[in-house]
C-alpha atoms as a PDB file:
ATOM      1  CA  MET A   1     -41.948 -21.166 -34.205  1.00  0.00           C
ATOM      2  CA  ALA A   2     -41.173 -21.521 -37.481  1.00  0.00           C
ATOM      3  CA  HIS A   3     -37.325 -20.913 -37.667  1.00  0.00           C
ATOM      4  CA  PRO A   4     -35.753 -21.590 -34.532  1.00  0.00           C
ATOM      5  CA  TRP A   5     -32.494 -19.959 -33.963  1.00  0.00           C
ATOM      6  CA  TYR A   6     -31.166 -22.729 -31.566  1.00  0.00           C
ATOM      7  CA  GLU A   7     -31.361 -26.059 -30.464  1.00  0.00           C
ATOM      8  CA  VAL A   8     -30.265 -28.074 -27.656  1.00  0.00           C
ATOM      9  CA  VAL A   9     -27.084 -30.904 -28.317  1.00  0.00           C
ATOM     10  CA  PRO A  10     -25.792 -33.219 -25.560  1.00  0.00           C
ATOM     11  CA  ALA A  11     -22.523 -32.430 -23.775  1.00  0.00           C
ATOM     12  CA  ASP A  12     -20.897 -34.759 -25.828  1.00  0.00           C
ATOM     13  CA  ALA A  13     -22.141 -34.142 -28.933  1.00  0.00           C
ATOM     14  CA  PRO A  14     -19.437 -33.351 -31.588  1.00  0.00           C
ATOM     15  CA  LEU A  15     -18.167 -29.646 -32.204  1.00  0.00           C
ATOM     16  CA  ASP A  16     -19.607 -27.533 -34.161  1.00  0.00           C
ATOM     17  CA  GLN A  17     -20.003 -23.736 -35.864  1.00  0.00           C
ATOM     18  CA  GLY A  18     -22.077 -22.074 -33.979  1.00  0.00           C
ATOM     19  CA  ASP A  19     -22.036 -23.782 -30.755  1.00  0.00           C
ATOM     20  CA  LEU A  20     -22.372 -21.427 -27.260  1.00  0.00           C
ATOM     21  CA  ALA A  21     -19.933 -22.262 -24.546  1.00  0.00           C
ATOM     22  CA  PRO A  22     -20.685 -20.372 -21.486  1.00  0.00           C
ATOM     23  CA  GLY A  23     -17.930 -19.822 -19.149  1.00  0.00           C
ATOM     24  CA  CYS A  24     -15.538 -21.015 -21.722  1.00  0.00           C
ATOM     25  CA  PRO A  25     -11.691 -20.925 -20.393  1.00  0.00           C
ATOM     26  CA  LEU A  26      -9.809 -18.822 -22.780  1.00  0.00           C
ATOM     27  CA  LEU A  27      -6.024 -18.051 -23.137  1.00  0.00           C
ATOM     28  CA  ALA A  28      -5.925 -14.221 -23.081  1.00  0.00           C
ATOM     29  CA  TRP A  29      -3.355 -10.952 -22.875  1.00  0.00           C
ATOM     30  CA  LYS A  30      -3.103  -8.674 -20.306  1.00  0.00           C
ATOM     31  CA  GLU A  31      -1.875  -5.564 -20.712  1.00  0.00           C
ATOM     32  CA  GLY A  32       1.661  -5.052 -19.695  1.00  0.00           C
ATOM     33  CA  PRO A  33       4.470  -2.364 -19.554  1.00  0.00           C
ATOM     34  CA  PRO A  34       6.072  -1.626 -22.553  1.00  0.00           C
ATOM     35  CA  HIS A  35       9.898  -3.294 -20.951  1.00  0.00           C
ATOM     36  CA  LEU A  36       7.591  -6.698 -21.449  1.00  0.00           C
ATOM     37  CA  TYR A  37       7.610  -6.216 -25.236  1.00  0.00           C
ATOM     38  CA  SER A  38      11.714  -5.689 -25.767  1.00  0.00           C
ATOM     39  CA  SER A  39      13.201  -7.869 -27.984  1.00  0.00           C
ATOM     40  CA  THR A  40      15.243  -9.085 -25.602  1.00  0.00           C
ATOM     41  CA  ARG A  41      12.730 -10.462 -23.208  1.00  0.00           C
ATOM     42  CA  THR A  42      10.034 -11.409 -25.926  1.00  0.00           C
ATOM     43  CA  ARG A  43       9.303 -14.967 -24.919  1.00  0.00           C
ATOM     44  CA  GLU A  44       9.086 -14.122 -21.084  1.00  0.00           C
ATOM     45  CA  GLY A  45       7.423 -10.987 -21.759  1.00  0.00           C
ATOM     46  CA  LEU A  46       4.857 -12.999 -23.409  1.00  0.00           C
ATOM     47  CA  ARG A  47       4.480 -15.645 -20.750  1.00  0.00           C
ATOM     48  CA  ASP A  48       3.983 -13.031 -18.050  1.00  0.00           C
ATOM     49  CA  LEU A  49       1.330 -11.395 -20.316  1.00  0.00           C
ATOM     50  CA  ALA A  50      -0.763 -14.483 -20.623  1.00  0.00           C
ATOM     51  CA  GLU A  51      -3.639 -15.559 -18.664  1.00  0.00           C
ATOM     52  CA  VAL A  52      -6.818 -17.850 -18.469  1.00  0.00           C
ATOM     53  CA  ILE A  53     -10.246 -16.181 -18.450  1.00  0.00           C
ATOM     54  CA  ASP A  54     -13.362 -17.393 -18.317  1.00  0.00           C
ATOM     55  CA  GLY A  55     -15.812 -16.183 -20.860  1.00  0.00           C
ATOM     56  CA  ASP A  56     -19.022 -16.810 -22.973  1.00  0.00           C
ATOM     57  CA  ALA A  57     -18.007 -17.673 -26.381  1.00  0.00           C
ATOM     58  CA  VAL A  58     -19.380 -19.095 -29.689  1.00  0.00           C
ATOM     59  CA  VAL A  59     -17.261 -20.952 -32.177  1.00  0.00           C
ATOM     60  CA  MET A  60     -16.751 -19.658 -35.455  1.00  0.00           C
ATOM     61  CA  THR A  61     -14.780 -22.190 -37.213  1.00  0.00           C
ATOM     62  CA  GLN A  62     -16.495 -23.518 -40.234  1.00  0.00           C
ATOM     63  CA  THR A  63     -18.639 -27.238 -40.070  1.00  0.00           C
ATOM     64  CA  CYS A  64     -17.210 -28.726 -43.034  1.00  0.00           C
ATOM     65  CA  ASP A  65     -13.751 -28.502 -41.281  1.00  0.00           C
ATOM     66  CA  LEU A  66     -14.808 -29.510 -38.049  1.00  0.00           C
ATOM     67  CA  ALA A  67     -16.759 -32.175 -39.480  1.00  0.00           C
ATOM     68  CA  GLN A  68     -13.741 -33.194 -41.684  1.00  0.00           C
ATOM     69  CA  ARG A  69     -11.486 -32.695 -39.012  1.00  0.00           C
ATOM     70  CA  LYS A  70      -9.610 -30.503 -40.992  1.00  0.00           C
ATOM     71  CA  VAL A  71      -8.653 -28.110 -38.036  1.00  0.00           C
ATOM     72  CA  ARG A  72      -6.317 -28.814 -34.595  1.00  0.00           C
ATOM     73  CA  TYR A  73      -7.642 -25.409 -33.294  1.00  0.00           C
ATOM     74  CA  VAL A  74     -10.677 -24.016 -32.929  1.00  0.00           C
ATOM     75  CA  ILE A  75     -11.858 -20.252 -33.383  1.00  0.00           C
ATOM     76  CA  LEU A  76     -14.000 -18.719 -30.748  1.00  0.00           C
ATOM     77  CA  CYS A  77     -15.187 -15.152 -30.426  1.00  0.00           C
ATOM     78  CA  PRO A  78     -16.997 -13.696 -27.149  1.00  0.00           C
ATOM     79  CA  HIS A  79     -20.374 -12.570 -26.424  1.00  0.00           C
ATOM     80  CA  ASP A  80     -22.084 -10.973 -23.746  1.00  0.00           C
ATOM     81  CA  GLY A  81     -25.737 -10.740 -22.479  1.00  0.00           C
ATOM     82  CA  MET A  82     -27.502  -7.560 -23.181  1.00  0.00           C
ATOM     83  CA  HIS A  83     -27.367  -6.297 -19.184  1.00  0.00           C
ATOM     84  CA  ALA A  84     -23.331  -6.912 -19.308  1.00  0.00           C
ATOM     85  CA  TYR A  85     -22.957  -5.413 -22.682  1.00  0.00           C
ATOM     86  CA  ARG A  86     -25.057  -2.253 -21.814  1.00  0.00           C
ATOM     87  CA  ILE A  87     -22.972  -1.597 -18.836  1.00  0.00           C
ATOM     88  CA  GLY A  88     -19.890  -1.491 -21.015  1.00  0.00           C
ATOM     89  CA  TRP A  89     -21.850   0.669 -23.679  1.00  0.00           C
ATOM     90  CA  GLU A  90     -22.692   2.817 -20.958  1.00  0.00           C
ATOM     91  CA  ALA A  91     -19.215   3.212 -19.866  1.00  0.00           C
ATOM     92  CA  SER A  92     -17.504   3.696 -23.512  1.00  0.00           C
ATOM     93  CA  GLN A  93     -20.346   6.430 -24.169  1.00  0.00           C
ATOM     94  CA  ARG A  94     -19.226   8.059 -20.535  1.00  0.00           C
ATOM     95  CA  ARG A  95     -15.543   8.150 -21.505  1.00  0.00           C
ATOM     96  CA  ARG A  96     -16.115   9.391 -24.967  1.00  0.00           C
ATOM     97  CA  GLY A  97     -17.649  12.557 -22.980  1.00  0.00           C
ATOM     98  CA  GLN A  98     -21.468  11.482 -23.990  1.00  0.00           C
ATOM     99  CA  THR A  99     -24.267  10.735 -22.071  1.00  0.00           C
ATOM    100  CA  PRO A 100     -26.220   7.473 -22.581  1.00  0.00           C
ATOM    101  CA  SER A 101     -29.837   7.826 -23.296  1.00  0.00           C
ATOM    102  CA  VAL A 102     -32.698   5.380 -23.881  1.00  0.00           C
ATOM    103  CA  LYS A 103     -32.924   6.717 -27.523  1.00  0.00           C
ATOM    104  CA  SER A 104     -29.019   6.338 -28.157  1.00  0.00           C
ATOM    105  CA  TRP A 105     -28.922   2.606 -26.975  1.00  0.00           C
ATOM    106  CA  ALA A 106     -32.127   1.774 -29.171  1.00  0.00           C
ATOM    107  CA  ALA A 107     -30.350   3.067 -32.207  1.00  0.00           C
ATOM    108  CA  HIS A 108     -27.050   1.181 -31.442  1.00  0.00           C
ATOM    109  CA  LEU A 109     -29.169  -1.559 -30.935  1.00  0.00           C
ATOM    110  CA  ASP A 110     -30.860  -1.479 -34.173  1.00  0.00           C
ATOM    111  CA  ARG A 111     -27.686  -0.494 -36.334  1.00  0.00           C
ATOM    112  CA  ILE A 112     -25.841  -3.596 -34.564  1.00  0.00           C
ATOM    113  CA  ALA A 113     -29.184  -5.470 -35.693  1.00  0.00           C
ATOM    114  CA  ALA A 114     -29.181  -4.454 -39.399  1.00  0.00           C
ATOM    115  CA  GLY A 115     -25.134  -5.447 -39.401  1.00  0.00           C
ATOM    116  CA  GLN A 116     -24.106  -1.964 -39.624  1.00  0.00           C
ATOM    117  CA  VAL A 117     -21.735  -2.222 -36.683  1.00  0.00           C
ATOM    118  CA  TRP A 118     -18.819  -3.657 -38.450  1.00  0.00           C
ATOM    119  CA  ASN A 119     -17.153  -5.432 -34.939  1.00  0.00           C
ATOM    120  CA  ARG A 120     -20.287  -6.601 -33.443  1.00  0.00           C
ATOM    121  CA  ALA A 121     -23.162  -8.818 -34.416  1.00  0.00           C
ATOM    122  CA  MET A 122     -26.323 -10.074 -32.540  1.00  0.00           C
ATOM    123  CA  LEU A 123     -27.487 -13.658 -31.802  1.00  0.00           C
ATOM    124  CA  ASN A 124     -31.574 -13.439 -30.919  1.00  0.00           C
ATOM    125  CA  SER A 125     -33.414 -14.048 -27.431  1.00  0.00           C
ATOM    126  CA  GLU A 126     -35.785 -17.415 -27.831  1.00  0.00           C
ATOM    127  CA  GLU A 127     -37.242 -19.686 -25.660  1.00  0.00           C
ATOM    128  CA  GLY A 128     -37.295 -23.333 -26.485  1.00  0.00           C
ATOM    129  CA  PRO A 129     -38.972 -26.301 -24.723  1.00  0.00           C
ATOM    130  CA  ASP A 130     -35.991 -26.450 -22.817  1.00  0.00           C
ATOM    131  CA  TYR A 131     -33.958 -23.268 -22.902  1.00  0.00           C
ATOM    132  CA  ASN A 132     -34.198 -19.723 -22.571  1.00  0.00           C
ATOM    133  CA  ALA A 133     -32.001 -17.911 -24.980  1.00  0.00           C
ATOM    134  CA  GLU A 134     -31.254 -13.911 -23.797  1.00  0.00           C
ATOM    135  CA  LEU A 135     -30.611 -11.585 -26.608  1.00  0.00           C
ATOM    136  CA  ARG A 136     -26.457 -11.283 -27.112  1.00  0.00           C
ATOM    137  CA  ILE A 137     -23.712  -9.099 -28.834  1.00  0.00           C
ATOM    138  CA  VAL A 138     -21.221 -10.900 -30.319  1.00  0.00           C
ATOM    139  CA  ASP A 139     -17.557  -9.263 -30.420  1.00  0.00           C
ATOM    140  CA  PHE A 140     -15.078  -9.763 -33.067  1.00  0.00           C
ATOM    141  CA  HIS A 141     -12.851  -7.304 -31.644  1.00  0.00           C
ATOM    142  CA  GLU A 142     -11.219 -10.740 -29.669  1.00  0.00           C
ATOM    143  CA  VAL A 143     -10.844 -13.365 -31.147  1.00  0.00           C
ATOM    144  CA  PHE A 144      -9.621 -16.808 -29.396  1.00  0.00           C
ATOM    145  CA  SER A 145      -7.954 -20.151 -30.628  1.00  0.00           C
ATOM    146  CA  LEU A 146      -8.379 -23.585 -28.489  1.00  0.00           C
ATOM    147  CA  PRO A 147      -7.137 -26.622 -29.070  1.00  0.00           C
ATOM    148  CA  ARG A 148      -9.797 -28.896 -30.929  1.00  0.00           C
ATOM    149  CA  ALA A 149      -9.209 -31.665 -28.020  1.00  0.00           C
ATOM    150  CA  PHE A 150      -9.246 -29.463 -25.178  1.00  0.00           C
ATOM    151  CA  LEU A 151     -12.522 -27.609 -26.026  1.00  0.00           C
ATOM    152  CA  GLU A 152     -14.182 -31.069 -26.358  1.00  0.00           C
ATOM    153  CA  ALA A 153     -12.891 -32.652 -23.619  1.00  0.00           C
ATOM    154  CA  TRP A 154     -14.011 -29.715 -21.436  1.00  0.00           C
ATOM    155  CA  LEU A 155     -17.439 -29.660 -23.031  1.00  0.00           C
ATOM    156  CA  ALA A 156     -17.815 -33.005 -22.160  1.00  0.00           C
ATOM    157  CA  GLU A 157     -16.700 -32.854 -18.714  1.00  0.00           C
ATOM    158  CA  ARG A 158     -18.842 -29.857 -17.697  1.00  0.00           C
ATOM    159  CA  GLY A 159     -21.620 -32.648 -18.725  1.00  0.00           C
ATOM    160  CA  GLU A 160     -24.332 -30.061 -19.535  1.00  0.00           C
ATOM    161  CA  PRO A 161     -26.199 -29.414 -22.755  1.00  0.00           C
ATOM    162  CA  ARG A 162     -25.340 -26.212 -25.022  1.00  0.00           C
ATOM    163  CA  LEU A 163     -27.032 -24.174 -27.300  1.00  0.00           C
ATOM    164  CA  ARG A 164     -26.136 -24.498 -30.916  1.00  0.00           C
ATOM    165  CA  LEU A 165     -27.112 -22.018 -33.512  1.00  0.00           C
ATOM    166  CA  ARG A 166     -29.177 -23.529 -36.198  1.00  0.00           C
ATOM    167  CA  PRO A 167     -28.624 -22.784 -40.012  1.00  0.00           C
ATOM    168  CA  PRO A 168     -28.928 -19.990 -41.790  1.00  0.00           C
ATOM    169  CA  TYR A 169     -28.631 -17.967 -38.111  1.00  0.00           C
ATOM    170  CA  ARG A 170     -24.727 -19.470 -37.612  1.00  0.00           C
ATOM    171  CA  GLU A 171     -23.877 -18.684 -41.603  1.00  0.00           C
ATOM    172  CA  HIS A 172     -25.027 -15.350 -40.737  1.00  0.00           C
ATOM    173  CA  LEU A 173     -22.989 -14.767 -38.105  1.00  0.00           C
ATOM    174  CA  SER A 174     -19.789 -16.525 -40.207  1.00  0.00           C
ATOM    175  CA  GLN A 175     -20.760 -13.636 -43.028  1.00  0.00           C
ATOM    176  CA  ALA A 176     -20.377 -11.036 -40.476  1.00  0.00           C
ATOM    177  CA  PHE A 177     -17.273 -12.202 -39.050  1.00  0.00           C
ATOM    178  CA  ALA A 178     -16.008 -12.294 -42.557  1.00  0.00           C
ATOM    179  CA  ARG A 179     -17.032  -8.989 -43.162  1.00  0.00           C
ATOM    180  CA  PHE A 180     -14.885  -7.613 -40.201  1.00  0.00           C
ATOM    181  CA  PHE A 181     -12.107  -8.992 -41.627  1.00  0.00           C
ATOM    182  CA  MET A 182     -12.462  -8.328 -45.295  1.00  0.00           C
ATOM    183  CA  ARG A 183     -12.503  -4.416 -44.891  1.00  0.00           C
ATOM    184  CA  VAL A 184     -10.209  -2.793 -46.915  1.00  0.00           C
ATOM    185  CA  GLY A 185      -8.791   0.487 -46.329  1.00  0.00           C
ATOM    186  CA  LEU A 186      -6.341   1.905 -49.548  1.00  0.00           C
ATOM    187  CA  PRO A 187      -3.925   4.134 -48.915  1.00  0.00           C
ATOM    188  CA  THR A 188      -3.896   5.667 -52.430  1.00  0.00           C
ATOM    189  CA  ASP A 189      -6.675   5.883 -54.628  1.00  0.00           C
ATOM    190  CA  ILE A 190      -6.289   4.102 -58.004  1.00  0.00           C
ATOM    191  CA  HIS A 191      -5.075   6.531 -60.588  1.00  0.00           C
ATOM    192  CA  ARG A 192      -7.790   7.214 -63.241  1.00  0.00           C
ATOM    193  CA  THR A 193      -5.885   7.524 -66.325  1.00  0.00           C
ATOM    194  CA  TRP A 194      -8.832   6.065 -68.713  1.00  0.00           C
END
């Protein structure tokens, strides 16, 4: 393998951009009834909407910020294996009144792999000497944040080696994440008076 995507790091390895954290506890938000959003119940409403879920996540915080300990909170994005992602994609297609086909599935994956789906990125499948990484789809729609100290302690206590994206693949993922946030749609075009 000339340019492997992943390396395996021990459970107590310093946190780095591109670390995969399977089954990571994440603070998420439930959908709630409109009365929870009223200004008189804002704080209570937020408490009622918070929940902890377990999900596969990838560290998005930049390596330089982690290495120099410049951040207290780590940014993570969820990712799904191909089978789980396909189930969700097919359900979404049916809700839109479309029939999912093998051809449309392959075209969708080709668009993600080419970077044409702005809210998704693909992590390659790969077999290494001591790991087997499944093809995965990263979702930029939901962005999670965890205290760095908590995430480092959780990974160490879990006691399992973890996969880490190697350069330039982690930077490629970071670039896709940046493209997701840098999209700008202007409400009015520039008046061309020249």
